[in-house]
Amino acid sequence: MAGSRPSTRPPGRCAMYWNGHGMGAWGWFAMSLTTLIVWTLIVAATVLVVRALRRDGADGRTTAAPYAASDRGAERLLAERFARGEIDDEEYSRRLAVLRSHAPGPAPL
């Protein structure tokens, strides 16, 4: 061909530095290990963020699921607090008497 330049590549070499062999075994190992590490870090960060957002306070305990007032009555909630030891028997009796003395009525505006 007239006007074409001769190739400057050595014979048997491919263009773009591929060298005709692709990635070796160590390349695949490094790529797989890096992928595994990246996904582990993503999952760990997600778990830590979710746990941090669910913290109740300084003690680090997670919050309990909120309950609807219509699901449990005030007496049942008071009995649960007494059973957990949050209030003593004197306070339990006093609050139970107050609850039973007031009839439920419409909420104040």
PDB file of N, CA and C in Angstrom:
ATOM      1  N   MET A   1       0.834  -1.173   0.000  1.00  0.00           N
ATOM      2  CA  MET A   1       0.000   0.000   0.000  1.00  0.00           C
ATOM      3  C   MET A   1       0.878   1.234   0.000  1.00  0.00           C
ATOM      4  N   ALA A   2       0.508   2.114  -0.792  1.00  0.00           N
ATOM      5  CA  ALA A   2       1.286   3.335  -0.922  1.00  0.00           C
ATOM      6  C   ALA A   2       0.867   4.308   0.156  1.00  0.00           C
ATOM      7  N   GLY A   3       1.803   4.890   0.863  1.00  0.00           N
ATOM      8  CA  GLY A   3       1.521   5.915   1.845  1.00  0.00           C
ATOM      9  C   GLY A   3       1.207   5.377   3.239  1.00  0.00           C
ATOM     10  N   SER A   4       1.160   4.103   3.455  1.00  0.00           N
ATOM     11  CA  SER A   4       0.875   3.608   4.800  1.00  0.00           C
ATOM     12  C   SER A   4       2.174   3.464   5.576  1.00  0.00           C
ATOM     13  N   ARG A   5       2.101   3.732   6.862  1.00  0.00           N
ATOM     14  CA  ARG A   5       3.294   3.657   7.693  1.00  0.00           C
ATOM     15  C   ARG A   5       3.447   2.249   8.244  1.00  0.00           C
ATOM     16  N   PRO A   6       4.618   1.803   8.421  1.00  0.00           N
ATOM     17  CA  PRO A   6       4.807   0.480   8.997  1.00  0.00           C
ATOM     18  C   PRO A   6       4.467   0.498  10.486  1.00  0.00           C
ATOM     19  N   SER A   7       4.018  -0.613  11.018  1.00  0.00           N
ATOM     20  CA  SER A   7       3.648  -0.729  12.430  1.00  0.00           C
ATOM     21  C   SER A   7       4.888  -0.644  13.302  1.00  0.00           C
ATOM     22  N   THR A   8       4.764   0.062  14.411  1.00  0.00           N
ATOM     23  CA  THR A   8       5.882   0.180  15.347  1.00  0.00           C
ATOM     24  C   THR A   8       5.762  -0.824  16.493  1.00  0.00           C
ATOM     25  N   ARG A   9       4.695  -1.619  16.502  1.00  0.00           N
ATOM     26  CA  ARG A   9       4.504  -2.621  17.547  1.00  0.00           C
ATOM     27  C   ARG A   9       5.422  -3.807  17.301  1.00  0.00           C
ATOM     28  N   PRO A  10       5.889  -4.409  18.386  1.00  0.00           N
ATOM     29  CA  PRO A  10       6.649  -5.642  18.195  1.00  0.00           C
ATOM     30  C   PRO A  10       5.720  -6.733  17.686  1.00  0.00           C
ATOM     31  N   PRO A  11       6.222  -7.676  16.937  1.00  0.00           N
ATOM     32  CA  PRO A  11       5.354  -8.731  16.430  1.00  0.00           C
ATOM     33  C   PRO A  11       4.764  -9.554  17.570  1.00  0.00           C
ATOM     34  N   GLY A  12       3.509  -9.972  17.434  1.00  0.00           N
ATOM     35  CA  GLY A  12       2.824 -10.784  18.439  1.00  0.00           C
ATOM     36  C   GLY A  12       2.222 -10.001  19.586  1.00  0.00           C
ATOM     37  N   ARG A  13       2.312  -8.687  19.586  1.00  0.00           N
ATOM     38  CA  ARG A  13       1.754  -7.866  20.663  1.00  0.00           C
ATOM     39  C   ARG A  13       0.442  -7.256  20.217  1.00  0.00           C
ATOM     40  N   CYS A  14      -0.508  -7.182  21.158  1.00  0.00           N
ATOM     41  CA  CYS A  14      -1.794  -6.546  20.876  1.00  0.00           C
ATOM     42  C   CYS A  14      -1.721  -5.078  21.258  1.00  0.00           C
ATOM     43  N   ALA A  15      -2.614  -4.309  20.711  1.00  0.00           N
ATOM     44  CA  ALA A  15      -2.675  -2.890  21.031  1.00  0.00           C
ATOM     45  C   ALA A  15      -3.257  -2.699  22.424  1.00  0.00           C
ATOM     46  N   MET A  16      -3.091  -1.547  23.001  1.00  0.00           N
ATOM     47  CA  MET A  16      -3.697  -1.101  24.256  1.00  0.00           C
ATOM     48  C   MET A  16      -3.174  -1.873  25.471  1.00  0.00           C
ATOM     49  N   TYR A  17      -1.986  -2.408  25.414  1.00  0.00           N
ATOM     50  CA  TYR A  17      -1.324  -3.025  26.557  1.00  0.00           C
ATOM     51  C   TYR A  17      -2.044  -4.246  27.125  1.00  0.00           C
ATOM     52  N   TRP A  18      -2.827  -4.921  26.356  1.00  0.00           N
ATOM     53  CA  TRP A  18      -3.489  -6.128  26.835  1.00  0.00           C
ATOM     54  C   TRP A  18      -2.529  -7.316  26.817  1.00  0.00           C
ATOM     55  N   ASN A  19      -1.550  -7.261  26.044  1.00  0.00           N
ATOM     56  CA  ASN A  19      -0.543  -8.311  25.942  1.00  0.00           C
ATOM     57  C   ASN A  19      -1.142  -9.660  25.579  1.00  0.00           C
ATOM     58  N   GLY A  20      -2.366  -9.697  25.151  1.00  0.00           N
ATOM     59  CA  GLY A  20      -2.979 -10.914  24.673  1.00  0.00           C
ATOM     60  C   GLY A  20      -3.318 -11.935  25.732  1.00  0.00           C
ATOM     61  N   HIS A  21      -3.160 -11.612  27.027  1.00  0.00           N
ATOM     62  CA  HIS A  21      -3.379 -12.622  28.063  1.00  0.00           C
ATOM     63  C   HIS A  21      -4.496 -12.275  29.035  1.00  0.00           C
ATOM     64  N   GLY A  22      -4.896 -11.086  29.106  1.00  0.00           N
ATOM     65  CA  GLY A  22      -5.925 -10.704  30.073  1.00  0.00           C
ATOM     66  C   GLY A  22      -5.341 -10.619  31.473  1.00  0.00           C
ATOM     67  N   MET A  23      -6.207 -10.784  32.492  1.00  0.00           N
ATOM     68  CA  MET A  23      -5.790 -10.658  33.874  1.00  0.00           C
ATOM     69  C   MET A  23      -5.290 -12.017  34.376  1.00  0.00           C
ATOM     70  N   GLY A  24      -4.217 -12.023  35.109  1.00  0.00           N
ATOM     71  CA  GLY A  24      -3.668 -13.257  35.657  1.00  0.00           C
ATOM     72  C   GLY A  24      -4.403 -13.691  36.912  1.00  0.00           C
ATOM     73  N   ALA A  25      -3.956 -14.785  37.497  1.00  0.00           N
ATOM     74  CA  ALA A  25      -4.598 -15.347  38.694  1.00  0.00           C
ATOM     75  C   ALA A  25      -4.526 -14.393  39.874  1.00  0.00           C
ATOM     76  N   TRP A  26      -3.388 -13.707  40.049  1.00  0.00           N
ATOM     77  CA  TRP A  26      -3.268 -12.763  41.153  1.00  0.00           C
ATOM     78  C   TRP A  26      -4.175 -11.559  40.959  1.00  0.00           C
ATOM     79  N   GLY A  27      -4.386 -11.174  39.745  1.00  0.00           N
ATOM     80  CA  GLY A  27      -5.308 -10.073  39.470  1.00  0.00           C
ATOM     81  C   GLY A  27      -6.732 -10.432  39.841  1.00  0.00           C
ATOM     82  N   TRP A  28      -7.147 -11.655  39.485  1.00  0.00           N
ATOM     83  CA  TRP A  28      -8.492 -12.100  39.859  1.00  0.00           C
ATOM     84  C   TRP A  28      -8.631 -12.222  41.364  1.00  0.00           C
ATOM     85  N   PHE A  29      -7.601 -12.730  42.023  1.00  0.00           N
ATOM     86  CA  PHE A  29      -7.637 -12.866  43.478  1.00  0.00           C
ATOM     87  C   PHE A  29      -7.751 -11.502  44.142  1.00  0.00           C
ATOM     88  N   ALA A  30      -6.949 -10.541  43.706  1.00  0.00           N
ATOM     89  CA  ALA A  30      -6.984  -9.200  44.289  1.00  0.00           C
ATOM     90  C   ALA A  30      -8.328  -8.528  44.041  1.00  0.00           C
ATOM     91  N   MET A  31      -8.872  -8.698  42.842  1.00  0.00           N
ATOM     92  CA  MET A  31     -10.168  -8.095  42.526  1.00  0.00           C
ATOM     93  C   MET A  31     -11.276  -8.713  43.390  1.00  0.00           C
ATOM     94  N   SER A  32     -11.263 -10.040  43.547  1.00  0.00           N
ATOM     95  CA  SER A  32     -12.280 -10.713  44.353  1.00  0.00           C
ATOM     96  C   SER A  32     -12.174 -10.319  45.818  1.00  0.00           C
ATOM     97  N   LEU A  33     -10.961 -10.266  46.329  1.00  0.00           N
ATOM     98  CA  LEU A  33     -10.764  -9.882  47.720  1.00  0.00           C
ATOM     99  C   LEU A  33     -11.205  -8.439  47.969  1.00  0.00           C
ATOM    100  N   THR A  34     -10.879  -7.558  47.071  1.00  0.00           N
ATOM    101  CA  THR A  34     -11.285  -6.159  47.211  1.00  0.00           C
ATOM    102  C   THR A  34     -12.798  -6.014  47.166  1.00  0.00           C
ATOM    103  N   THR A  35     -13.449  -6.744  46.276  1.00  0.00           N
ATOM    104  CA  THR A  35     -14.908  -6.700  46.196  1.00  0.00           C
ATOM    105  C   THR A  35     -15.530  -7.193  47.493  1.00  0.00           C
ATOM    106  N   LEU A  36     -14.998  -8.280  48.036  1.00  0.00           N
ATOM    107  CA  LEU A  36     -15.506  -8.820  49.294  1.00  0.00           C
ATOM    108  C   LEU A  36     -15.325  -7.831  50.440  1.00  0.00           C
ATOM    109  N   ILE A  37     -14.197  -7.185  50.497  1.00  0.00           N
ATOM    110  CA  ILE A  37     -13.941  -6.204  51.558  1.00  0.00           C
ATOM    111  C   ILE A  37     -14.883  -5.003  51.430  1.00  0.00           C
ATOM    112  N   VAL A  38     -15.077  -4.523  50.215  1.00  0.00           N
ATOM    113  CA  VAL A  38     -15.957  -3.361  50.011  1.00  0.00           C
ATOM    114  C   VAL A  38     -17.383  -3.699  50.439  1.00  0.00           C
ATOM    115  N   TRP A  39     -17.909  -4.849  50.028  1.00  0.00           N
ATOM    116  CA  TRP A  39     -19.278  -5.215  50.410  1.00  0.00           C
ATOM    117  C   TRP A  39     -19.396  -5.451  51.918  1.00  0.00           C
ATOM    118  N   THR A  40     -18.369  -6.013  52.543  1.00  0.00           N
ATOM    119  CA  THR A  40     -18.387  -6.185  53.995  1.00  0.00           C
ATOM    120  C   THR A  40     -18.440  -4.843  54.697  1.00  0.00           C
ATOM    121  N   LEU A  41     -17.665  -3.879  54.223  1.00  0.00           N
ATOM    122  CA  LEU A  41     -17.694  -2.541  54.821  1.00  0.00           C
ATOM    123  C   LEU A  41     -19.045  -1.856  54.627  1.00  0.00           C
ATOM    124  N   ILE A  42     -19.662  -2.041  53.471  1.00  0.00           N
ATOM    125  CA  ILE A  42     -20.981  -1.443  53.227  1.00  0.00           C
ATOM    126  C   ILE A  42     -22.025  -2.028  54.170  1.00  0.00           C
ATOM    127  N   VAL A  43     -22.023  -3.349  54.324  1.00  0.00           N
ATOM    128  CA  VAL A  43     -22.999  -3.996  55.219  1.00  0.00           C
ATOM    129  C   VAL A  43     -22.744  -3.589  56.665  1.00  0.00           C
ATOM    130  N   ALA A  44     -21.483  -3.574  57.090  1.00  0.00           N
ATOM    131  CA  ALA A  44     -21.163  -3.192  58.466  1.00  0.00           C
ATOM    132  C   ALA A  44     -21.569  -1.748  58.751  1.00  0.00           C
ATOM    133  N   ALA A  45     -21.320  -0.850  57.812  1.00  0.00           N
ATOM    134  CA  ALA A  45     -21.713   0.549  58.004  1.00  0.00           C
ATOM    135  C   ALA A  45     -23.225   0.685  58.092  1.00  0.00           C
ATOM    136  N   THR A  46     -23.958  -0.060  57.281  1.00  0.00           N
ATOM    137  CA  THR A  46     -25.418  -0.016  57.326  1.00  0.00           C
ATOM    138  C   THR A  46     -25.932  -0.505  58.673  1.00  0.00           C
ATOM    139  N   VAL A  47     -25.384  -1.610  59.164  1.00  0.00           N
ATOM    140  CA  VAL A  47     -25.807  -2.147  60.465  1.00  0.00           C
ATOM    141  C   VAL A  47     -25.504  -1.148  61.577  1.00  0.00           C
ATOM    142  N   LEU A  48     -24.336  -0.546  61.556  1.00  0.00           N
ATOM    143  CA  LEU A  48     -23.979   0.419  62.601  1.00  0.00           C
ATOM    144  C   LEU A  48     -24.870   1.656  62.569  1.00  0.00           C
ATOM    145  N   VAL A  49     -25.202   2.128  61.393  1.00  0.00           N
ATOM    146  CA  VAL A  49     -26.078   3.305  61.287  1.00  0.00           C
ATOM    147  C   VAL A  49     -27.474   2.976  61.806  1.00  0.00           C
ATOM    148  N   VAL A  50     -28.004   1.814  61.434  1.00  0.00           N
ATOM    149  CA  VAL A  50     -29.339   1.427  61.905  1.00  0.00           C
ATOM    150  C   VAL A  50     -29.344   1.274  63.421  1.00  0.00           C
ATOM    151  N   ARG A  51     -28.325   0.643  63.975  1.00  0.00           N
ATOM    152  CA  ARG A  51     -28.258   0.477  65.430  1.00  0.00           C
ATOM    153  C   ARG A  51     -28.111   1.822  66.136  1.00  0.00           C
ATOM    154  N   ALA A  52     -27.361   2.734  65.559  1.00  0.00           N
ATOM    155  CA  ALA A  52     -27.173   4.054  66.178  1.00  0.00           C
ATOM    156  C   ALA A  52     -28.473   4.852  66.165  1.00  0.00           C
ATOM    157  N   LEU A  53     -29.257   4.703  65.125  1.00  0.00           N
ATOM    158  CA  LEU A  53     -30.514   5.452  65.044  1.00  0.00           C
ATOM    159  C   LEU A  53     -31.584   4.889  65.965  1.00  0.00           C
ATOM    160  N   ARG A  54     -31.447   3.633  66.371  1.00  0.00           N
ATOM    161  CA  ARG A  54     -32.455   3.010  67.227  1.00  0.00           C
ATOM    162  C   ARG A  54     -32.102   3.090  68.703  1.00  0.00           C
ATOM    163  N   ARG A  55     -31.033   3.765  69.064  1.00  0.00           N
ATOM    164  CA  ARG A  55     -30.607   3.850  70.463  1.00  0.00           C
ATOM    165  C   ARG A  55     -31.630   4.633  71.275  1.00  0.00           C
ATOM    166  N   ASP A  56     -31.858   4.154  72.488  1.00  0.00           N
ATOM    167  CA  ASP A  56     -32.823   4.781  73.385  1.00  0.00           C
ATOM    168  C   ASP A  56     -32.200   5.945  74.136  1.00  0.00           C
ATOM    169  N   GLY A  57     -30.999   5.762  74.606  1.00  0.00           N
ATOM    170  CA  GLY A  57     -30.375   6.824  75.383  1.00  0.00           C
ATOM    171  C   GLY A  57     -28.914   6.523  75.592  1.00  0.00           C
ATOM    172  N   ALA A  58     -28.381   7.036  76.687  1.00  0.00           N
ATOM    173  CA  ALA A  58     -26.959   6.894  76.965  1.00  0.00           C
ATOM    174  C   ALA A  58     -26.574   5.463  77.312  1.00  0.00           C
ATOM    175  N   ASP A  59     -27.529   4.672  77.795  1.00  0.00           N
ATOM    176  CA  ASP A  59     -27.197   3.298  78.180  1.00  0.00           C
ATOM    177  C   ASP A  59     -27.001   2.385  76.982  1.00  0.00           C
ATOM    178  N   GLY A  60     -27.398   2.812  75.783  1.00  0.00           N
ATOM    179  CA  GLY A  60     -27.146   2.050  74.575  1.00  0.00           C
ATOM    180  C   GLY A  60     -28.173   0.993  74.253  1.00  0.00           C
ATOM    181  N   ARG A  61     -29.217   0.875  75.060  1.00  0.00           N
ATOM    182  CA  ARG A  61     -30.249  -0.121  74.760  1.00  0.00           C
ATOM    183  C   ARG A  61     -31.117   0.361  73.613  1.00  0.00           C
ATOM    184  N   THR A  62     -31.633  -0.567  72.854  1.00  0.00           N
ATOM    185  CA  THR A  62     -32.500  -0.187  71.748  1.00  0.00           C
ATOM    186  C   THR A  62     -33.900   0.064  72.267  1.00  0.00           C
ATOM    187  N   THR A  63     -34.626   0.883  71.547  1.00  0.00           N
ATOM    188  CA  THR A  63     -35.972   1.228  71.962  1.00  0.00           C
ATOM    189  C   THR A  63     -36.941   0.100  71.653  1.00  0.00           C
ATOM    190  N   ALA A  64     -37.929  -0.028  72.484  1.00  0.00           N
ATOM    191  CA  ALA A  64     -38.983  -0.996  72.221  1.00  0.00           C
ATOM    192  C   ALA A  64     -39.941  -0.423  71.195  1.00  0.00           C
ATOM    193  N   ALA A  65     -40.636  -1.302  70.544  1.00  0.00           N
ATOM    194  CA  ALA A  65     -41.607  -0.839  69.555  1.00  0.00           C
ATOM    195  C   ALA A  65     -42.712  -0.072  70.272  1.00  0.00           C
ATOM    196  N   PRO A  66     -43.103   1.067  69.747  1.00  0.00           N
ATOM    197  CA  PRO A  66     -44.154   1.841  70.418  1.00  0.00           C
ATOM    198  C   PRO A  66     -45.486   1.098  70.357  1.00  0.00           C
ATOM    199  N   TYR A  67     -46.245   1.238  71.421  1.00  0.00           N
ATOM    200  CA  TYR A  67     -47.541   0.575  71.469  1.00  0.00           C
ATOM    201  C   TYR A  67     -48.635   1.616  71.294  1.00  0.00           C
ATOM    202  N   ALA A  68     -49.716   1.170  70.748  1.00  0.00           N
ATOM    203  CA  ALA A  68     -50.859   2.064  70.580  1.00  0.00           C
ATOM    204  C   ALA A  68     -51.664   2.071  71.868  1.00  0.00           C
ATOM    205  N   ALA A  69     -52.166   3.233  72.245  1.00  0.00           N
ATOM    206  CA  ALA A  69     -52.932   3.350  73.483  1.00  0.00           C
ATOM    207  C   ALA A  69     -54.205   2.532  73.424  1.00  0.00           C
ATOM    208  N   SER A  70     -54.753   2.339  72.248  1.00  0.00           N
ATOM    209  CA  SER A  70     -55.987   1.571  72.138  1.00  0.00           C
ATOM    210  C   SER A  70     -55.747   0.079  72.299  1.00  0.00           C
ATOM    211  N   ASP A  71     -54.524  -0.378  72.097  1.00  0.00           N
ATOM    212  CA  ASP A  71     -54.229  -1.798  72.218  1.00  0.00           C
ATOM    213  C   ASP A  71     -54.183  -2.248  73.676  1.00  0.00           C
ATOM    214  N   ARG A  72     -53.706  -1.401  74.556  1.00  0.00           N
ATOM    215  CA  ARG A  72     -53.568  -1.750  75.967  1.00  0.00           C
ATOM    216  C   ARG A  72     -54.230  -0.684  76.816  1.00  0.00           C
ATOM    217  N   GLY A  73     -54.881  -1.133  77.802  1.00  0.00           N
ATOM    218  CA  GLY A  73     -55.502  -0.188  78.723  1.00  0.00           C
ATOM    219  C   GLY A  73     -54.489   0.339  79.714  1.00  0.00           C
ATOM    220  N   ALA A  74     -54.865   1.393  80.376  1.00  0.00           N
ATOM    221  CA  ALA A  74     -53.977   2.006  81.362  1.00  0.00           C
ATOM    222  C   ALA A  74     -53.707   1.065  82.529  1.00  0.00           C
ATOM    223  N   GLU A  75     -54.729   0.277  82.913  1.00  0.00           N
ATOM    224  CA  GLU A  75     -54.529  -0.667  84.021  1.00  0.00           C
ATOM    225  C   GLU A  75     -53.538  -1.756  83.643  1.00  0.00           C
ATOM    226  N   ARG A  76     -53.613  -2.206  82.418  1.00  0.00           N
ATOM    227  CA  ARG A  76     -52.695  -3.261  81.977  1.00  0.00           C
ATOM    228  C   ARG A  76     -51.256  -2.724  81.929  1.00  0.00           C
ATOM    229  N   LEU A  77     -51.096  -1.494  81.465  1.00  0.00           N
ATOM    230  CA  LEU A  77     -49.777  -0.878  81.436  1.00  0.00           C
ATOM    231  C   LEU A  77     -49.237  -0.686  82.848  1.00  0.00           C
ATOM    232  N   LEU A  78     -50.088  -0.289  83.757  1.00  0.00           N
ATOM    233  CA  LEU A  78     -49.680  -0.131  85.145  1.00  0.00           C
ATOM    234  C   LEU A  78     -49.274  -1.470  85.748  1.00  0.00           C
ATOM    235  N   ALA A  79     -50.029  -2.529  85.439  1.00  0.00           N
ATOM    236  CA  ALA A  79     -49.692  -3.856  85.940  1.00  0.00           C
ATOM    237  C   ALA A  79     -48.352  -4.347  85.372  1.00  0.00           C
ATOM    238  N   GLU A  80     -48.078  -4.021  84.132  1.00  0.00           N
ATOM    239  CA  GLU A  80     -46.798  -4.410  83.533  1.00  0.00           C
ATOM    240  C   GLU A  80     -45.639  -3.678  84.202  1.00  0.00           C
ATOM    241  N   ARG A  81     -45.822  -2.401  84.486  1.00  0.00           N
ATOM    242  CA  ARG A  81     -44.767  -1.646  85.174  1.00  0.00           C
ATOM    243  C   ARG A  81     -44.524  -2.207  86.568  1.00  0.00           C
ATOM    244  N   PHE A  82     -45.591  -2.612  87.253  1.00  0.00           N
ATOM    245  CA  PHE A  82     -45.457  -3.216  88.574  1.00  0.00           C
ATOM    246  C   PHE A  82     -44.726  -4.561  88.476  1.00  0.00           C
ATOM    247  N   ALA A  83     -45.057  -5.345  87.462  1.00  0.00           N
ATOM    248  CA  ALA A  83     -44.417  -6.647  87.289  1.00  0.00           C
ATOM    249  C   ALA A  83     -42.930  -6.507  86.956  1.00  0.00           C
ATOM    250  N   ARG A  84     -42.566  -5.460  86.244  1.00  0.00           N
ATOM    251  CA  ARG A  84     -41.155  -5.239  85.916  1.00  0.00           C
ATOM    252  C   ARG A  84     -40.376  -4.638  87.081  1.00  0.00           C
ATOM    253  N   GLY A  85     -41.067  -4.220  88.115  1.00  0.00           N
ATOM    254  CA  GLY A  85     -40.400  -3.641  89.273  1.00  0.00           C
ATOM    255  C   GLY A  85     -40.121  -2.158  89.141  1.00  0.00           C
ATOM    256  N   GLU A  86     -40.750  -1.503  88.198  1.00  0.00           N
ATOM    257  CA  GLU A  86     -40.534  -0.065  88.018  1.00  0.00           C
ATOM    258  C   GLU A  86     -41.232   0.748  89.101  1.00  0.00           C
ATOM    259  N   ILE A  87     -42.321   0.218  89.635  1.00  0.00           N
ATOM    260  CA  ILE A  87     -43.039   0.894  90.721  1.00  0.00           C
ATOM    261  C   ILE A  87     -43.272  -0.117  91.839  1.00  0.00           C
ATOM    262  N   ASP A  88     -43.401   0.388  93.080  1.00  0.00           N
ATOM    263  CA  ASP A  88     -43.634  -0.518  94.208  1.00  0.00           C
ATOM    264  C   ASP A  88     -45.135  -0.729  94.422  1.00  0.00           C
ATOM    265  N   ASP A  89     -45.480  -1.591  95.383  1.00  0.00           N
ATOM    266  CA  ASP A  89     -46.895  -1.940  95.581  1.00  0.00           C
ATOM    267  C   ASP A  89     -47.722  -0.764  96.074  1.00  0.00           C
ATOM    268  N   GLU A  90     -47.137   0.132  96.849  1.00  0.00           N
ATOM    269  CA  GLU A  90     -47.875   1.308  97.332  1.00  0.00           C
ATOM    270  C   GLU A  90     -48.245   2.231  96.176  1.00  0.00           C
ATOM    271  N   GLU A  91     -47.269   2.499  95.300  1.00  0.00           N
ATOM    272  CA  GLU A  91     -47.535   3.358  94.154  1.00  0.00           C
ATOM    273  C   GLU A  91     -48.512   2.690  93.191  1.00  0.00           C
ATOM    274  N   TYR A  92     -48.381   1.369  93.031  1.00  0.00           N
ATOM    275  CA  TYR A  92     -49.298   0.632  92.160  1.00  0.00           C
ATOM    276  C   TYR A  92     -50.739   0.761  92.657  1.00  0.00           C
ATOM    277  N   SER A  93     -50.940   0.549  93.962  1.00  0.00           N
ATOM    278  CA  SER A  93     -52.292   0.648  94.541  1.00  0.00           C
ATOM    279  C   SER A  93     -52.852   2.058  94.404  1.00  0.00           C
ATOM    280  N   ARG A  94     -52.000   3.050  94.663  1.00  0.00           N
ATOM    281  CA  ARG A  94     -52.456   4.442  94.592  1.00  0.00           C
ATOM    282  C   ARG A  94     -52.862   4.805  93.159  1.00  0.00           C
ATOM    283  N   ARG A  95     -52.026   4.444  92.192  1.00  0.00           N
ATOM    284  CA  ARG A  95     -52.344   4.784  90.805  1.00  0.00           C
ATOM    285  C   ARG A  95     -53.534   3.993  90.282  1.00  0.00           C
ATOM    286  N   LEU A  96     -53.671   2.740  90.713  1.00  0.00           N
ATOM    287  CA  LEU A  96     -54.807   1.936  90.281  1.00  0.00           C
ATOM    288  C   LEU A  96     -56.109   2.527  90.818  1.00  0.00           C
ATOM    289  N   ALA A  97     -56.069   3.016  92.045  1.00  0.00           N
ATOM    290  CA  ALA A  97     -57.256   3.651  92.616  1.00  0.00           C
ATOM    291  C   ALA A  97     -57.622   4.912  91.836  1.00  0.00           C
ATOM    292  N   VAL A  98     -56.634   5.680  91.448  1.00  0.00           N
ATOM    293  CA  VAL A  98     -56.894   6.883  90.672  1.00  0.00           C
ATOM    294  C   VAL A  98     -57.486   6.524  89.317  1.00  0.00           C
ATOM    295  N   LEU A  99     -56.937   5.500  88.672  1.00  0.00           N
ATOM    296  CA  LEU A  99     -57.454   5.092  87.367  1.00  0.00           C
ATOM    297  C   LEU A  99     -58.904   4.622  87.457  1.00  0.00           C
ATOM    298  N   ARG A 100     -59.211   3.869  88.500  1.00  0.00           N
ATOM    299  CA  ARG A 100     -60.567   3.324  88.629  1.00  0.00           C
ATOM    300  C   ARG A 100     -61.568   4.373  89.103  1.00  0.00           C
ATOM    301  N   SER A 101     -61.110   5.463  89.720  1.00  0.00           N
ATOM    302  CA  SER A 101     -62.035   6.482  90.194  1.00  0.00           C
ATOM    303  C   SER A 101     -62.468   7.440  89.083  1.00  0.00           C
ATOM    304  N   HIS A 102     -61.663   7.540  88.065  1.00  0.00           N
ATOM    305  CA  HIS A 102     -62.003   8.450  86.951  1.00  0.00           C
ATOM    306  C   HIS A 102     -62.637   7.657  85.836  1.00  0.00           C
ATOM    307  N   ALA A 103     -63.799   8.077  85.450  1.00  0.00           N
ATOM    308  CA  ALA A 103     -64.457   7.431  84.317  1.00  0.00           C
ATOM    309  C   ALA A 103     -63.878   7.999  83.029  1.00  0.00           C
ATOM    310  N   PRO A 104     -63.717   7.170  82.009  1.00  0.00           N
ATOM    311  CA  PRO A 104     -63.199   7.703  80.754  1.00  0.00           C
ATOM    312  C   PRO A 104     -64.194   8.671  80.130  1.00  0.00           C
ATOM    313  N   GLY A 105     -63.695   9.718  79.596  1.00  0.00           N
ATOM    314  CA  GLY A 105     -64.543  10.712  78.974  1.00  0.00           C
ATOM    315  C   GLY A 105     -63.874  11.266  77.738  1.00  0.00           C
ATOM    316  N   PRO A 106     -64.500  12.240  77.094  1.00  0.00           N
ATOM    317  CA  PRO A 106     -63.888  12.823  75.900  1.00  0.00           C
ATOM    318  C   PRO A 106     -62.619  13.584  76.265  1.00  0.00           C
ATOM    319  N   ALA A 107     -61.705  13.610  75.348  1.00  0.00           N
ATOM    320  CA  ALA A 107     -60.441  14.306  75.569  1.00  0.00           C
ATOM    321  C   ALA A 107     -60.687  15.808  75.586  1.00  0.00           C
ATOM    322  N   PRO A 108     -59.996  16.547  76.449  1.00  0.00           N
ATOM    323  CA  PRO A 108     -60.170  18.006  76.487  1.00  0.00           C
ATOM    324  C   PRO A 108     -59.607  18.637  75.228  1.00  0.00           C
ATOM    325  N   LEU A 109     -60.220  19.730  74.850  1.00  0.00           N
ATOM    326  CA  LEU A 109     -59.782  20.426  73.642  1.00  0.00           C
ATOM    327  C   LEU A 109     -58.677  21.359  73.905  1.00  0.00           C
TER     328      LEU A 109
END
